[in-house]
Structure formats: C-alpha cells, structure tokens
Amino acid sequence: MDNLADKKCVPCQGGVEPMNAQEIQNLLPHLDGQWKIVDGHHLEREFQFPDFQSALVFVNLIGELAEEEGHHPDIYLSWGFVKILLWTHKIDGLAYSDFILAAKIDLRGRTM
C-alpha cells in the first residue's frame, strides 16, 4: 500500500457505508501505532507536550492541515495535551480519508 500521508483526502458526499471492521484493521497498521479505534466508530490519539504553547502550536498546524485537506478533526487542547478525534461526520463512521488525515497528523507530530 502506498504511504497514506502522500494521498489527498476526498470529501465525502454521504450515501456510503462507514468502513467495516476488516477494512479498519487493514489500514490501522499503516499509522504510527498510537491511534486507537474507539467503538469501531472513530480514530483517537493523544499527544503530549512540555507546555501549553507547544500544544497550541501543534493545534494550529493541525488546523492548517485540516483546511488544506478539507477534512476536519475534533481537537481538544489543554496544558501540554492535545487529543484528536477523527471520523467522517456525514456517514457517522470511518472513511479512507480519516486514515489519510491521521497519517498526515502523524507526520506533523514528528516535527514537533
């Protein structure tokens, strides 16, 4: 499989089924290993930082990435902590683009 981070998110038009458990399990190993699947519904990952400012910088980088990709995660920011939740709201579950964005977030996280 090609590197997910090299791909582009494709906007979901709805009317498609969320990924099934086997599809999710096939893609999960292509992420960095820190992502969890929660209830077969969404991806979740937590990032730790030494202070609030570093966490905020990371959130802003993720915001820019989300705008570039046209795919927007839920982001929780606290002192030295960022949690990302990813799913495709239009289908209320996971789609291929969620894994693409997760891989791109992994790359941004490595640069911090």
Protein backbone atom coordinates (compact mmCIF):
# COMPACT_ATOMS: atom_id res chain seq x y z
CA MET A 1 0.00 0.00 0.00
CA ASP A 2 1.23 3.48 -0.81
CA ASN A 3 2.04 5.84 2.02
CA LEU A 4 -1.27 7.22 3.30
CA ALA A 5 0.33 10.59 4.05
CA ASP A 6 1.05 11.03 0.33
CA LYS A 7 -2.64 10.81 -0.55
CA LYS A 8 -5.26 13.56 -0.59
CA CYS A 9 -8.48 13.46 1.44
CA VAL A 10 -11.59 13.14 -0.69
CA PRO A 11 -14.73 14.91 0.54
CA CYS A 12 -17.49 12.50 1.49
CA GLN A 13 -20.76 13.11 -0.30
CA GLY A 14 -22.68 10.79 2.00
CA GLY A 15 -24.72 7.81 0.90
CA VAL A 16 -21.85 5.40 1.53
CA GLU A 17 -21.39 2.98 4.40
CA PRO A 18 -18.69 3.55 7.02
CA MET A 19 -15.71 1.22 6.85
CA ASN A 20 -16.27 -2.22 8.33
CA ALA A 21 -14.07 -3.79 11.00
CA GLN A 22 -11.88 -5.65 8.49
CA GLU A 23 -11.24 -2.54 6.40
CA ILE A 24 -10.32 -0.62 9.54
CA GLN A 25 -7.95 -3.35 10.73
CA ASN A 26 -6.28 -3.43 7.30
CA LEU A 27 -5.49 0.31 7.46
CA LEU A 28 -4.60 0.70 11.14
CA PRO A 29 -1.08 -0.79 10.77
CA HIS A 30 -0.27 1.96 8.25
CA LEU A 31 -0.49 4.57 11.01
CA ASP A 32 2.23 5.08 13.62
CA GLY A 33 0.73 2.76 16.23
CA GLN A 34 -0.51 5.45 18.61
CA TRP A 35 -4.02 5.70 17.14
CA LYS A 36 -6.86 3.78 18.78
CA ILE A 37 -10.11 2.71 17.20
CA VAL A 38 -12.96 3.61 19.54
CA ASP A 39 -16.16 1.57 19.25
CA GLY A 40 -15.43 0.89 15.57
CA HIS A 41 -16.54 4.49 15.05
CA HIS A 42 -13.58 6.85 15.21
CA LEU A 43 -9.83 7.20 15.48
CA GLU A 44 -8.38 8.77 18.60
CA ARG A 45 -4.87 9.82 19.52
CA GLU A 46 -3.34 11.87 22.32
CA PHE A 47 -0.19 13.97 22.03
CA GLN A 48 1.86 15.22 24.99
CA PHE A 49 3.82 18.49 25.01
CA PRO A 50 6.07 20.20 27.56
CA ASP A 51 3.82 23.26 27.84
CA PHE A 52 0.66 24.98 26.64
CA GLN A 53 2.38 26.99 23.91
CA SER A 54 3.80 23.87 22.20
CA ALA A 55 0.39 22.20 22.30
CA LEU A 56 -1.21 25.31 20.82
CA VAL A 57 1.35 25.47 18.00
CA PHE A 58 0.55 21.85 17.18
CA VAL A 59 -3.20 22.54 17.18
CA ASN A 60 -2.66 25.40 14.75
CA LEU A 61 -0.58 23.15 12.47
CA ILE A 62 -3.37 20.57 12.52
CA GLY A 63 -5.90 23.31 11.77
CA GLU A 64 -3.92 24.39 8.71
CA LEU A 65 -3.62 20.78 7.58
CA ALA A 66 -7.37 20.23 8.05
CA GLU A 67 -8.12 23.25 5.87
CA GLU A 68 -5.68 22.06 3.18
CA GLU A 69 -7.32 18.64 3.14
CA GLY A 70 -10.91 19.79 3.54
CA HIS A 71 -11.31 17.25 6.34
CA HIS A 72 -11.67 18.47 9.92
CA PRO A 73 -10.99 16.52 13.12
CA ASP A 74 -12.33 17.25 16.56
CA ILE A 75 -9.45 18.73 18.54
CA TYR A 76 -9.17 19.02 22.33
CA LEU A 77 -6.47 21.30 23.73
CA SER A 78 -5.23 21.53 27.30
CA TRP A 79 -1.96 22.42 29.02
CA GLY A 80 0.64 20.16 27.38
CA PHE A 81 -2.00 17.91 25.87
CA VAL A 82 -3.85 17.56 22.57
CA LYS A 83 -6.40 14.88 21.74
CA ILE A 84 -7.53 14.30 18.16
CA LEU A 85 -10.76 12.51 17.23
CA LEU A 86 -11.29 11.61 13.60
CA TRP A 87 -14.34 10.29 11.80
CA THR A 88 -16.44 11.28 8.84
CA HIS A 89 -19.45 13.02 10.30
CA LYS A 90 -21.52 12.72 7.11
CA ILE A 91 -21.53 8.90 7.40
CA ASP A 92 -21.12 8.77 11.21
CA GLY A 93 -18.14 6.45 10.97
CA LEU A 94 -14.73 5.93 9.47
CA ALA A 95 -13.79 6.51 5.85
CA TYR A 96 -10.47 6.20 4.00
CA SER A 97 -9.88 9.96 4.32
CA ASP A 98 -9.81 9.65 8.10
CA PHE A 99 -6.77 7.40 7.84
CA ILE A 100 -5.13 9.74 5.33
CA LEU A 101 -5.55 12.68 7.70
CA ALA A 102 -4.32 10.60 10.65
CA ALA A 103 -1.15 9.73 8.71
CA LYS A 104 -0.60 13.40 7.87
CA ILE A 105 -1.10 14.34 11.53
CA ASP A 106 1.49 11.70 12.47
CA LEU A 107 3.99 13.46 10.20
CA ARG A 108 3.26 16.86 11.75
CA GLY A 109 3.60 15.38 15.23
CA ARG A 110 7.06 14.06 14.45
CA THR A 111 8.26 17.55 13.59
CA MET A 112 7.27 18.97 16.97
